């Protein structure tokens, strides 16, 4: 067995253990694709610095397992999701891997990240992924008509909550759900959003990463 295959097998075992430790249940095919995504992200990251973490284990713990928290807010299949400012595919690519029954659109304006997302979708044979290489705007009717509306809209490390919600509400269908992945300062962002006089209810779903870092999902339902 080659050294590359041995390393890949070890990384797959590590990811399977980390998933189990987090209380997640994913089938072997999903775990294998997450493993392949992490290894591909690591190779690209060494050249283009797509994300901060470097080792496969840290990439998984800080980024992939964090993004898996979104799954608790999503159905198994039959829905569309837009990930705004997807970057290296966080959380959109992770969702597409873990929920192959969803159609996932990754919106990313930066060229190198677009290239990575397209390469990753091909490498992982993700037929449910579409990459949109443009910056989404809240006041561009032509862009909105072209892209349409989505059942779910997500973001992670994209913008402050008021800015993200202003954009997400445009692309979320009535009755759909908006999910913002945030850190411990989320209360101040919610206060800033409320100060704008927007009365939509928000549900907070706090959680912690393996290192104890606090995170929070902000879930907003768009009225029907």
Protein backbone atom coordinates (compact mmCIF):
# COMPACT_ATOMS: atom_id res chain seq x y z
CA UNK A 1 0.00 0.00 0.00
CA UNK A 2 1.34 3.45 -0.92
CA UNK A 3 2.16 6.10 1.67
CA UNK A 4 -0.58 8.34 0.22
CA UNK A 5 -3.21 5.62 0.63
CA UNK A 6 -2.00 4.86 4.13
CA UNK A 7 -2.24 8.54 5.10
CA UNK A 8 -5.69 8.86 3.51
CA UNK A 9 -6.91 5.81 5.40
CA UNK A 10 -5.60 7.21 8.67
CA UNK A 11 -7.27 10.55 8.04
CA UNK A 12 -10.56 8.80 7.25
CA UNK A 13 -10.35 6.95 10.56
CA UNK A 14 -9.61 10.22 12.37
CA UNK A 15 -12.63 11.89 10.80
CA UNK A 16 -14.88 8.94 11.61
CA UNK A 17 -13.77 9.17 15.26
CA UNK A 18 -14.28 12.94 15.38
CA UNK A 19 -17.76 12.63 13.90
CA UNK A 20 -18.67 9.97 16.44
CA UNK A 21 -17.30 12.07 19.30
CA UNK A 22 -19.57 14.94 18.22
CA UNK A 23 -22.68 12.76 18.37
CA UNK A 24 -23.17 12.79 14.59
CA UNK A 25 -24.22 9.77 12.56
CA UNK A 26 -22.98 9.86 8.96
CA UNK A 27 -22.72 6.94 6.57
CA UNK A 28 -19.38 5.69 5.26
CA UNK A 29 -19.77 7.36 1.87
CA UNK A 30 -20.34 10.76 3.46
CA UNK A 31 -17.38 10.28 5.79
CA UNK A 32 -15.17 9.29 2.84
CA UNK A 33 -16.20 12.43 0.95
CA UNK A 34 -15.57 14.63 3.98
CA UNK A 35 -12.13 13.06 4.25
CA UNK A 36 -11.42 13.72 0.57
CA UNK A 37 -12.67 17.31 0.93
CA UNK A 38 -10.40 17.94 3.93
CA UNK A 39 -7.35 16.55 2.11
CA UNK A 40 -8.13 18.60 -1.01
CA UNK A 41 -8.68 21.73 1.08
CA UNK A 42 -5.37 21.15 2.83
CA UNK A 43 -3.48 20.94 -0.48
CA UNK A 44 -5.08 24.10 -1.83
CA UNK A 45 -4.68 25.87 1.48
CA UNK A 46 -0.92 25.41 1.39
CA UNK A 47 -0.81 27.51 -1.79
CA UNK A 48 -3.77 29.90 -1.58
CA UNK A 49 -4.37 30.23 2.19
CA UNK A 50 -8.10 29.61 1.92
CA UNK A 51 -8.57 29.05 5.67
CA UNK A 52 -6.46 29.48 8.79
CA UNK A 53 -6.03 25.90 10.04
CA UNK A 54 -3.43 23.69 8.39
CA UNK A 55 -3.43 20.06 9.54
CA UNK A 56 -6.28 17.76 8.42
CA UNK A 57 -7.34 17.27 12.03
CA UNK A 58 -7.49 21.01 12.71
CA UNK A 59 -9.27 21.66 9.42
CA UNK A 60 -11.91 19.17 10.42
CA UNK A 61 -12.29 20.29 14.04
CA UNK A 62 -12.31 24.06 13.41
CA UNK A 63 -14.18 24.15 10.14
CA UNK A 64 -15.88 20.96 8.98
CA UNK A 65 -17.29 19.80 12.30
CA UNK A 66 -18.36 23.38 13.03
CA UNK A 67 -20.30 23.44 9.75
CA UNK A 68 -21.90 20.08 10.48
CA UNK A 69 -23.85 21.86 13.24
CA UNK A 70 -26.04 23.36 10.50
CA UNK A 71 -27.43 19.91 9.68
CA UNK A 72 -29.69 20.07 12.74
CA UNK A 73 -31.63 22.87 10.99
CA UNK A 74 -31.93 21.18 7.59
CA UNK A 75 -34.07 18.42 6.09
CA UNK A 76 -32.57 15.27 4.61
CA UNK A 77 -33.68 16.04 1.06
CA UNK A 78 -36.01 17.94 -1.23
CA UNK A 79 -34.91 21.52 -0.50
CA UNK A 80 -32.64 24.18 -2.00
CA UNK A 81 -29.90 26.02 -0.13
CA UNK A 82 -27.89 29.14 -0.95
CA UNK A 83 -24.57 29.66 0.83
CA UNK A 84 -23.57 33.33 0.57
CA UNK A 85 -19.85 34.15 0.63
CA UNK A 86 -19.05 30.44 0.59
CA UNK A 87 -15.27 30.89 0.57
CA UNK A 88 -13.75 27.41 0.74
CA UNK A 89 -17.22 25.85 0.88
CA UNK A 90 -17.98 26.47 4.53
CA UNK A 91 -20.70 25.56 5.28
CA UNK A 92 -22.16 24.99 1.80
CA UNK A 93 -19.80 22.30 0.50
CA UNK A 94 -19.96 20.43 3.80
CA UNK A 95 -23.77 20.52 3.66
CA UNK A 96 -23.75 19.29 0.05
CA UNK A 97 -21.58 16.32 1.07
CA UNK A 98 -23.61 15.43 4.15
CA UNK A 99 -27.02 16.09 2.55
CA UNK A 100 -26.81 14.82 -1.05
CA UNK A 101 -30.60 15.15 -1.32
CA UNK A 102 -30.36 18.95 -1.13
CA UNK A 103 -29.48 21.22 -4.05
CA UNK A 104 -26.76 23.63 -2.91
CA UNK A 105 -25.70 26.88 -4.57
CA UNK A 106 -22.35 28.33 -3.48
CA UNK A 107 -22.07 32.09 -4.10
CA UNK A 108 -18.45 33.28 -4.02
CA UNK A 109 -17.07 36.37 -5.82
CA UNK A 110 -13.33 35.67 -5.35
CA UNK A 111 -11.74 33.90 -8.33
CA UNK A 112 -9.34 31.55 -6.52
CA UNK A 113 -12.06 30.34 -4.20
CA UNK A 114 -14.45 29.86 -7.11
CA UNK A 115 -11.83 27.69 -8.79
CA UNK A 116 -11.38 25.63 -5.64
CA UNK A 117 -15.13 25.15 -5.21
CA UNK A 118 -15.58 23.97 -8.79
CA UNK A 119 -12.58 21.65 -8.54
CA UNK A 120 -13.85 20.23 -5.24
CA UNK A 121 -17.33 19.63 -6.66
CA UNK A 122 -15.82 17.74 -9.62
CA UNK A 123 -13.31 15.84 -7.48
CA UNK A 124 -16.03 14.74 -5.06
CA UNK A 125 -18.60 14.06 -7.81
CA UNK A 126 -21.16 16.36 -6.18
CA UNK A 127 -23.96 16.63 -8.72
CA UNK A 128 -26.02 18.68 -6.25
CA UNK A 129 -23.60 21.66 -6.21
CA UNK A 130 -23.70 24.81 -8.32
CA UNK A 131 -21.08 27.56 -8.02
CA UNK A 132 -22.14 31.16 -8.69
CA UNK A 133 -19.08 33.32 -9.28
CA UNK A 134 -20.47 36.73 -8.45
CA UNK A 135 -21.12 39.04 -5.53
CA UNK A 136 -24.76 38.97 -4.49
CA UNK A 137 -26.48 42.32 -4.03
CA UNK A 138 -29.72 43.13 -2.18
CA UNK A 139 -30.85 45.66 -4.79
CA UNK A 140 -30.20 43.92 -8.12
CA UNK A 141 -33.57 42.71 -9.50
CA UNK A 142 -31.96 41.13 -12.59
CA UNK A 143 -29.60 39.08 -10.43
CA UNK A 144 -32.46 38.05 -8.18
CA UNK A 145 -34.59 36.91 -11.12
CA UNK A 146 -31.67 34.93 -12.54
CA UNK A 147 -30.84 33.11 -9.31
CA UNK A 148 -34.34 32.81 -7.86
CA UNK A 149 -35.28 32.10 -4.25
CA UNK A 150 -34.14 29.32 -1.94
CA UNK A 151 -35.61 27.32 0.91
CA UNK A 152 -32.54 27.94 3.08
CA UNK A 153 -29.87 30.65 3.06
CA UNK A 154 -26.66 30.25 5.07
CA UNK A 155 -23.43 32.10 5.80
CA UNK A 156 -20.31 31.70 7.95
CA UNK A 157 -17.73 34.44 8.54
CA UNK A 158 -19.37 36.47 5.78
CA UNK A 159 -20.66 39.75 7.23
CA UNK A 160 -22.24 41.25 10.32
CA UNK A 161 -25.71 39.93 11.05
CA UNK A 162 -27.70 43.00 9.88
CA UNK A 163 -25.87 43.06 6.52
CA UNK A 164 -26.25 39.33 5.98
CA UNK A 165 -29.94 39.27 6.88
CA UNK A 166 -30.70 42.20 4.57
CA UNK A 167 -29.23 40.18 1.70
CA UNK A 168 -30.53 36.78 2.78
CA UNK A 169 -34.13 37.99 3.04
CA UNK A 170 -34.02 38.87 -0.66
CA UNK A 171 -33.00 35.34 -1.68
CA UNK A 172 -34.96 33.33 0.88
CA UNK A 173 -38.41 32.25 -0.23
CA UNK A 174 -41.44 33.13 1.93
CA UNK A 175 -41.66 30.51 4.66
CA UNK A 176 -37.98 29.67 4.24
CA UNK A 177 -35.23 29.73 6.82
CA UNK A 178 -32.06 31.82 7.17
CA UNK A 179 -29.14 30.41 9.17
CA UNK A 180 -26.18 32.55 10.22
CA UNK A 181 -23.16 30.86 11.83
CA UNK A 182 -21.85 33.21 14.50
CA UNK A 183 -19.39 33.42 17.39
CA UNK A 184 -19.74 34.59 20.99
CA UNK A 185 -20.42 38.24 20.05
CA UNK A 186 -23.74 37.35 18.48
CA UNK A 187 -25.84 39.23 21.08
CA UNK A 188 -24.39 42.59 20.05
CA UNK A 189 -25.08 41.81 16.38
CA UNK A 190 -28.67 40.90 17.19
CA UNK A 191 -29.05 44.16 19.12
CA UNK A 192 -27.78 46.08 16.07
CA UNK A 193 -30.27 44.22 13.90
CA UNK A 194 -33.15 44.97 16.27
CA UNK A 195 -32.14 48.63 16.32
CA UNK A 196 -33.02 48.76 12.63
CA UNK A 197 -36.64 48.06 13.55
CA UNK A 198 -36.83 44.58 11.99
CA UNK A 199 -39.30 42.52 13.99
CA UNK A 200 -38.63 39.02 12.68
CA UNK A 201 -38.11 36.46 15.46
CA UNK A 202 -34.70 34.82 15.75
CA UNK A 203 -33.90 31.50 17.41
CA UNK A 204 -30.43 31.08 18.94
CA UNK A 205 -28.85 27.62 18.98
CA UNK A 206 -25.58 27.83 20.96
CA UNK A 207 -22.97 25.07 20.84
CA UNK A 208 -19.25 24.54 21.46
CA UNK A 209 -16.38 23.26 19.37
CA UNK A 210 -14.07 20.51 20.59
CA UNK A 211 -11.67 23.09 22.05
CA UNK A 212 -14.47 24.74 24.04
CA UNK A 213 -14.91 27.73 21.72
CA UNK A 214 -18.46 29.08 21.80
CA UNK A 215 -20.50 29.24 18.61
CA UNK A 216 -24.12 30.02 17.83
CA UNK A 217 -26.55 29.45 14.99
CA UNK A 218 -28.95 32.33 14.46
CA UNK A 219 -32.06 30.99 12.74
CA UNK A 220 -34.61 33.39 11.23
CA UNK A 221 -37.87 32.30 9.63
CA UNK A 222 -39.03 34.45 6.73
CA UNK A 223 -42.79 35.06 6.96
CA UNK A 224 -44.96 33.27 4.40
